[in-house]
Amino acid sequence: MIAIIDEKRWIMALRSGVDHVQWGDRDAIHLITSSDEGRSWSKLNRWFDGSPIEGIPYEDGRTHSEPGLYKMPNRDLILQFWRASKSSGTTQLRSRDNGKTWALDANPIKLEGVIGADGSQALGTEDYFVDPDNPSDVYMAFQYLRAEGKFAGTLLAKSKDNGKNYTFLSWIGPLSNMDDPEAGATFE
């Protein structure tokens, strides 16, 4: 996923590892930068001037999903990924300086008011948009998977504070039983 910082500078988030998610192994979350609109890229975890990006790579001894990188209305960047545990929720890092330094922001993200599910188990990194008519509102899609309880779904949430807090809005399709092919589960 790429965040555009300004006219020529881009940042891309990526995960070291193989396969979609490797359960039980470990990897790290990295960033690369481009100062020529993606024609060439920096070495891993290097700022535009070649200096190290602080707080990256992110590694906590687990495997992660592919990261999501988002630019908030206040220009903060947030970096989301979920851990290999299907019920671990989403970790979120935040940068307030266009991606030069990163700090843990939420572990896990908590969604308030999720109907029929535990909001701390929502899995981020899906998609987002900023409301063009009300630029303080950020809409984010999350996955929900509770393997033990056999439920899956995709939901829409809203943040009014640049991705710090999220409130459930709706299920995008039903929260459904994964064992029932007729249940209409939506995931990814």
C-alpha atoms as a PDB file:
ATOM      1  CA  MET A   1       0.000   0.000   0.000  1.00  0.00           C
ATOM      2  CA  ILE A   2       1.338   3.446  -0.908  1.00  0.00           C
ATOM      3  CA  ALA A   3       0.855   6.832   0.782  1.00  0.00           C
ATOM      4  CA  ILE A   4       1.633   9.936  -1.257  1.00  0.00           C
ATOM      5  CA  ILE A   5       3.443  12.488   0.915  1.00  0.00           C
ATOM      6  CA  ASP A   6       3.735  15.264  -1.662  1.00  0.00           C
ATOM      7  CA  GLU A   7       4.091  15.766  -5.400  1.00  0.00           C
ATOM      8  CA  LYS A   8       7.077  13.420  -5.805  1.00  0.00           C
ATOM      9  CA  ARG A   9       7.574  11.557  -2.507  1.00  0.00           C
ATOM     10  CA  TRP A  10       5.818   8.241  -1.864  1.00  0.00           C
ATOM     11  CA  ILE A  11       6.033   5.706   0.976  1.00  0.00           C
ATOM     12  CA  MET A  12       5.153   2.021   0.583  1.00  0.00           C
ATOM     13  CA  ALA A  13       4.453  -0.466   3.390  1.00  0.00           C
ATOM     14  CA  LEU A  14       5.355  -4.123   2.951  1.00  0.00           C
ATOM     15  CA  ARG A  15       5.828  -7.296   4.941  1.00  0.00           C
ATOM     16  CA  SER A  16       8.861  -9.533   4.800  1.00  0.00           C
ATOM     17  CA  GLY A  17       7.875 -13.174   4.564  1.00  0.00           C
ATOM     18  CA  VAL A  18       6.266 -15.626   2.198  1.00  0.00           C
ATOM     19  CA  ASP A  19       2.674 -16.735   1.605  1.00  0.00           C
ATOM     20  CA  HIS A  20      -0.380 -14.704   2.512  1.00  0.00           C
ATOM     21  CA  VAL A  21       0.123 -15.294   6.237  1.00  0.00           C
ATOM     22  CA  GLN A  22       2.476 -17.904   7.644  1.00  0.00           C
ATOM     23  CA  TRP A  23       1.037 -19.144  10.922  1.00  0.00           C
ATOM     24  CA  GLY A  24       3.634 -19.791  13.624  1.00  0.00           C
ATOM     25  CA  ASP A  25       6.613 -18.157  11.913  1.00  0.00           C
ATOM     26  CA  ARG A  26       7.781 -14.557  12.164  1.00  0.00           C
ATOM     27  CA  ASP A  27       8.309 -11.618   9.880  1.00  0.00           C
ATOM     28  CA  ALA A  28       8.569  -7.837  10.044  1.00  0.00           C
ATOM     29  CA  ILE A  29       6.730  -4.803   8.708  1.00  0.00           C
ATOM     30  CA  HIS A  30       8.904  -2.509   6.554  1.00  0.00           C
ATOM     31  CA  LEU A  31       8.697   0.774   4.660  1.00  0.00           C
ATOM     32  CA  ILE A  32      10.409   1.898   1.460  1.00  0.00           C
ATOM     33  CA  THR A  33      10.415   5.391  -0.044  1.00  0.00           C
ATOM     34  CA  SER A  34      10.483   6.862  -3.524  1.00  0.00           C
ATOM     35  CA  SER A  35      11.318  10.446  -4.435  1.00  0.00           C
ATOM     36  CA  ASP A  36      10.543   9.991  -8.135  1.00  0.00           C
ATOM     37  CA  GLU A  37       6.893   8.899  -8.091  1.00  0.00           C
ATOM     38  CA  GLY A  38       7.693   5.197  -7.763  1.00  0.00           C
ATOM     39  CA  ARG A  39      10.233   4.888 -10.576  1.00  0.00           C
ATOM     40  CA  SER A  40      12.863   3.784  -8.035  1.00  0.00           C
ATOM     41  CA  TRP A  41      12.729   2.797  -4.366  1.00  0.00           C
ATOM     42  CA  SER A  42      14.997   3.123  -1.339  1.00  0.00           C
ATOM     43  CA  LYS A  43      16.537   0.284   0.595  1.00  0.00           C
ATOM     44  CA  LEU A  44      14.284  -1.142   3.315  1.00  0.00           C
ATOM     45  CA  ASN A  45      13.409   1.257   6.123  1.00  0.00           C
ATOM     46  CA  ARG A  46      15.320   4.266   4.763  1.00  0.00           C
ATOM     47  CA  TRP A  47      14.017   7.819   4.645  1.00  0.00           C
ATOM     48  CA  PHE A  48      14.219   9.898   1.486  1.00  0.00           C
ATOM     49  CA  ASP A  49      17.676  11.167   2.494  1.00  0.00           C
ATOM     50  CA  GLY A  50      18.952   7.629   3.225  1.00  0.00           C
ATOM     51  CA  SER A  51      18.743   7.901   7.022  1.00  0.00           C
ATOM     52  CA  PRO A  52      16.944   5.161   9.022  1.00  0.00           C
ATOM     53  CA  ILE A  53      13.191   5.401   9.580  1.00  0.00           C
ATOM     54  CA  GLU A  54      12.659   5.375  13.358  1.00  0.00           C
ATOM     55  CA  GLY A  55      10.382   2.616  14.732  1.00  0.00           C
ATOM     56  CA  ILE A  56      10.620   0.512  11.556  1.00  0.00           C
ATOM     57  CA  PRO A  57      11.059  -2.362  10.915  1.00  0.00           C
ATOM     58  CA  TYR A  58       8.310  -3.402  13.312  1.00  0.00           C
ATOM     59  CA  GLU A  59       8.782  -6.891  14.636  1.00  0.00           C
ATOM     60  CA  ASP A  60       7.212  -8.462  17.696  1.00  0.00           C
ATOM     61  CA  GLY A  61       8.164 -12.120  17.150  1.00  0.00           C
ATOM     62  CA  ARG A  62       4.958 -12.976  15.272  1.00  0.00           C
ATOM     63  CA  THR A  63       3.750 -13.071  11.698  1.00  0.00           C
ATOM     64  CA  HIS A  64       1.497 -10.354  10.357  1.00  0.00           C
ATOM     65  CA  SER A  65      -0.904  -9.701   7.529  1.00  0.00           C
ATOM     66  CA  GLU A  66      -0.040  -7.459   4.643  1.00  0.00           C
ATOM     67  CA  PRO A  67       0.076  -3.912   6.034  1.00  0.00           C
ATOM     68  CA  GLY A  68      -2.329  -1.108   5.254  1.00  0.00           C
ATOM     69  CA  LEU A  69      -0.922   2.437   5.049  1.00  0.00           C
ATOM     70  CA  TYR A  70      -3.335   5.370   5.249  1.00  0.00           C
ATOM     71  CA  LYS A  71      -3.093   9.173   5.247  1.00  0.00           C
ATOM     72  CA  MET A  72      -5.474  10.778   7.717  1.00  0.00           C
ATOM     73  CA  PRO A  73      -7.146  14.200   7.289  1.00  0.00           C
ATOM     74  CA  ASN A  74      -4.683  15.806   9.739  1.00  0.00           C
ATOM     75  CA  ARG A  75      -1.817  14.378   7.582  1.00  0.00           C
ATOM     76  CA  ASP A  76      -0.832  11.701  10.136  1.00  0.00           C
ATOM     77  CA  LEU A  77       0.028   8.362   8.565  1.00  0.00           C
ATOM     78  CA  ILE A  78      -1.315   5.188  10.134  1.00  0.00           C
ATOM     79  CA  LEU A  79       0.066   1.733   9.448  1.00  0.00           C
ATOM     80  CA  GLN A  80      -2.194  -1.238  10.254  1.00  0.00           C
ATOM     81  CA  PHE A  81      -1.563  -4.974  10.298  1.00  0.00           C
ATOM     82  CA  TRP A  82      -2.963  -7.928  12.196  1.00  0.00           C
ATOM     83  CA  ARG A  83      -1.009 -10.694  13.833  1.00  0.00           C
ATOM     84  CA  ALA A  84      -1.086 -14.380  12.965  1.00  0.00           C
ATOM     85  CA  SER A  85      -3.577 -15.167  15.712  1.00  0.00           C
ATOM     86  CA  LYS A  86      -7.009 -15.023  14.108  1.00  0.00           C
ATOM     87  CA  SER A  87      -8.415 -13.333  17.201  1.00  0.00           C
ATOM     88  CA  SER A  88      -5.603 -10.870  17.926  1.00  0.00           C
ATOM     89  CA  GLY A  89      -7.130  -7.835  16.286  1.00  0.00           C
ATOM     90  CA  THR A  90      -5.221  -5.093  14.480  1.00  0.00           C
ATOM     91  CA  THR A  91      -2.050  -3.327  15.549  1.00  0.00           C
ATOM     92  CA  GLN A  92      -1.761   0.298  14.458  1.00  0.00           C
ATOM     93  CA  LEU A  93       1.374   2.437  14.279  1.00  0.00           C
ATOM     94  CA  ARG A  94       1.211   6.215  13.759  1.00  0.00           C
ATOM     95  CA  SER A  95       3.566   8.781  12.246  1.00  0.00           C
ATOM     96  CA  ARG A  96       3.045  12.496  12.783  1.00  0.00           C
ATOM     97  CA  ASP A  97       5.994  13.543  10.583  1.00  0.00           C
ATOM     98  CA  ASN A  98       5.132  12.098   7.132  1.00  0.00           C
ATOM     99  CA  GLY A  99       6.592   8.678   7.979  1.00  0.00           C
ATOM    100  CA  LYS A 100      10.052   9.557   9.342  1.00  0.00           C
ATOM    101  CA  THR A 101       9.241   8.237  12.854  1.00  0.00           C
ATOM    102  CA  TRP A 102       6.672   5.658  13.963  1.00  0.00           C
ATOM    103  CA  ALA A 103       5.201   4.725  17.340  1.00  0.00           C
ATOM    104  CA  LEU A 104       2.673   2.153  18.529  1.00  0.00           C
ATOM    105  CA  ASP A 105      -0.777   3.765  18.475  1.00  0.00           C
ATOM    106  CA  ALA A 106      -3.167   0.897  19.277  1.00  0.00           C
ATOM    107  CA  ASN A 107      -2.697  -2.795  20.017  1.00  0.00           C
ATOM    108  CA  PRO A 108      -5.368  -3.857  19.242  1.00  0.00           C
ATOM    109  CA  ILE A 109      -7.582  -1.243  17.604  1.00  0.00           C
ATOM    110  CA  LYS A 110     -10.947  -1.203  19.348  1.00  0.00           C
ATOM    111  CA  LEU A 111     -14.172  -0.648  17.462  1.00  0.00           C
ATOM    112  CA  GLU A 112     -17.087   0.563  19.545  1.00  0.00           C
ATOM    113  CA  GLY A 113     -20.601  -0.762  19.034  1.00  0.00           C
ATOM    114  CA  VAL A 114     -19.921  -3.759  16.789  1.00  0.00           C
ATOM    115  CA  ILE A 115     -23.198  -5.674  16.593  1.00  0.00           C
ATOM    116  CA  GLY A 116     -22.831  -9.402  17.202  1.00  0.00           C
ATOM    117  CA  ALA A 117     -19.021  -9.451  17.546  1.00  0.00           C
ATOM    118  CA  ASP A 118     -16.108  -8.355  19.728  1.00  0.00           C
ATOM    119  CA  GLY A 119     -14.808  -5.044  18.347  1.00  0.00           C
ATOM    120  CA  SER A 120     -11.250  -5.692  19.538  1.00  0.00           C
ATOM    121  CA  GLN A 121     -10.976  -8.645  17.123  1.00  0.00           C
ATOM    122  CA  ALA A 122     -11.600  -6.616  13.970  1.00  0.00           C
ATOM    123  CA  LEU A 123      -8.900  -7.042  11.339  1.00  0.00           C
ATOM    124  CA  GLY A 124      -7.844  -3.860   9.539  1.00  0.00           C
ATOM    125  CA  THR A 125      -5.841  -3.237   6.346  1.00  0.00           C
ATOM    126  CA  GLU A 126      -8.822  -3.439   3.984  1.00  0.00           C
ATOM    127  CA  ASP A 127      -9.681  -0.010   2.574  1.00  0.00           C
ATOM    128  CA  TYR A 128     -10.575   3.498   3.626  1.00  0.00           C
ATOM    129  CA  PHE A 129     -11.789   6.830   2.333  1.00  0.00           C
ATOM    130  CA  VAL A 130     -12.076  10.355   3.655  1.00  0.00           C
ATOM    131  CA  ASP A 131     -15.514  11.925   3.257  1.00  0.00           C
ATOM    132  CA  PRO A 132     -15.037  14.697   0.651  1.00  0.00           C
ATOM    133  CA  ASP A 133     -17.961  16.666   2.107  1.00  0.00           C
ATOM    134  CA  ASN A 134     -16.833  16.292   5.724  1.00  0.00           C
ATOM    135  CA  PRO A 135     -13.040  15.766   5.729  1.00  0.00           C
ATOM    136  CA  SER A 136     -12.861  15.038   9.456  1.00  0.00           C
ATOM    137  CA  ASP A 137     -14.697  11.737   8.848  1.00  0.00           C
ATOM    138  CA  VAL A 138     -12.673   8.659   7.846  1.00  0.00           C
ATOM    139  CA  TYR A 139     -14.493   5.472   6.831  1.00  0.00           C
ATOM    140  CA  MET A 140     -12.563   2.205   7.216  1.00  0.00           C
ATOM    141  CA  ALA A 141     -13.457  -1.357   6.190  1.00  0.00           C
ATOM    142  CA  PHE A 142     -12.446  -4.125   8.599  1.00  0.00           C
ATOM    143  CA  GLN A 143     -12.629  -7.910   8.391  1.00  0.00           C
ATOM    144  CA  TYR A 144     -13.920 -10.009  11.237  1.00  0.00           C
ATOM    145  CA  LEU A 145     -12.909 -13.614  11.721  1.00  0.00           C
ATOM    146  CA  ARG A 146     -13.454 -15.680  14.833  1.00  0.00           C
ATOM    147  CA  ALA A 147     -12.292 -19.129  13.798  1.00  0.00           C
ATOM    148  CA  GLU A 148     -13.284 -20.887  17.017  1.00  0.00           C
ATOM    149  CA  GLY A 149     -16.827 -19.555  16.770  1.00  0.00           C
ATOM    150  CA  LYS A 150     -16.867 -20.030  12.986  1.00  0.00           C
ATOM    151  CA  PHE A 151     -17.981 -16.490  12.160  1.00  0.00           C
ATOM    152  CA  ALA A 152     -16.723 -14.228   9.372  1.00  0.00           C
ATOM    153  CA  GLY A 153     -17.738 -10.867   7.993  1.00  0.00           C
ATOM    154  CA  THR A 154     -16.669  -7.473   6.717  1.00  0.00           C
ATOM    155  CA  LEU A 155     -17.747  -4.275   8.430  1.00  0.00           C
ATOM    156  CA  LEU A 156     -17.648  -0.539   7.898  1.00  0.00           C
ATOM    157  CA  ALA A 157     -16.519   1.772  10.710  1.00  0.00           C
ATOM    158  CA  LYS A 158     -16.083   5.516  11.065  1.00  0.00           C
ATOM    159  CA  SER A 159     -13.423   7.616  12.777  1.00  0.00           C
ATOM    160  CA  LYS A 160     -13.915  11.282  13.576  1.00  0.00           C
ATOM    161  CA  ASP A 161     -10.459  11.678  15.176  1.00  0.00           C
ATOM    162  CA  ASN A 162      -7.954  10.739  12.457  1.00  0.00           C
ATOM    163  CA  GLY A 163      -8.043   7.009  13.070  1.00  0.00           C
ATOM    164  CA  LYS A 164      -7.621   6.992  16.868  1.00  0.00           C
ATOM    165  CA  ASN A 165     -11.106   5.617  17.604  1.00  0.00           C
ATOM    166  CA  TYR A 166     -13.568   3.776  15.379  1.00  0.00           C
ATOM    167  CA  THR A 167     -17.321   3.305  15.649  1.00  0.00           C
ATOM    168  CA  PHE A 168     -19.184   0.466  13.934  1.00  0.00           C
ATOM    169  CA  LEU A 169     -21.574   1.587  11.182  1.00  0.00           C
ATOM    170  CA  SER A 170     -22.709  -1.583   9.411  1.00  0.00           C
ATOM    171  CA  TRP A 171     -21.920  -5.076   8.253  1.00  0.00           C
ATOM    172  CA  ILE A 172     -20.990  -5.171   4.572  1.00  0.00           C
ATOM    173  CA  GLY A 173     -22.831  -8.384   3.978  1.00  0.00           C
ATOM    174  CA  PRO A 174     -23.823 -10.585   6.897  1.00  0.00           C
ATOM    175  CA  LEU A 175     -21.772 -11.794   9.839  1.00  0.00           C
ATOM    176  CA  SER A 176     -22.048 -15.436   8.904  1.00  0.00           C
ATOM    177  CA  ASN A 177     -21.094 -18.949   9.892  1.00  0.00           C
ATOM    178  CA  MET A 178     -17.992 -20.041   7.925  1.00  0.00           C
ATOM    179  CA  ASP A 179     -19.088 -23.697   8.009  1.00  0.00           C
ATOM    180  CA  ASP A 180     -22.334 -22.970   6.180  1.00  0.00           C
ATOM    181  CA  PRO A 181     -21.788 -22.298   2.437  1.00  0.00           C
ATOM    182  CA  GLU A 182     -25.326 -20.876   2.217  1.00  0.00           C
ATOM    183  CA  ALA A 183     -24.689 -18.343   5.012  1.00  0.00           C
ATOM    184  CA  GLY A 184     -23.254 -15.739   2.649  1.00  0.00           C
ATOM    185  CA  ALA A 185     -20.142 -14.964   4.685  1.00  0.00           C
ATOM    186  CA  THR A 186     -18.178 -11.983   3.476  1.00  0.00           C
ATOM    187  CA  PHE A 187     -14.461 -11.817   4.174  1.00  0.00           C
ATOM    188  CA  GLU A 188     -11.701 -10.040   2.221  1.00  0.00           C
END
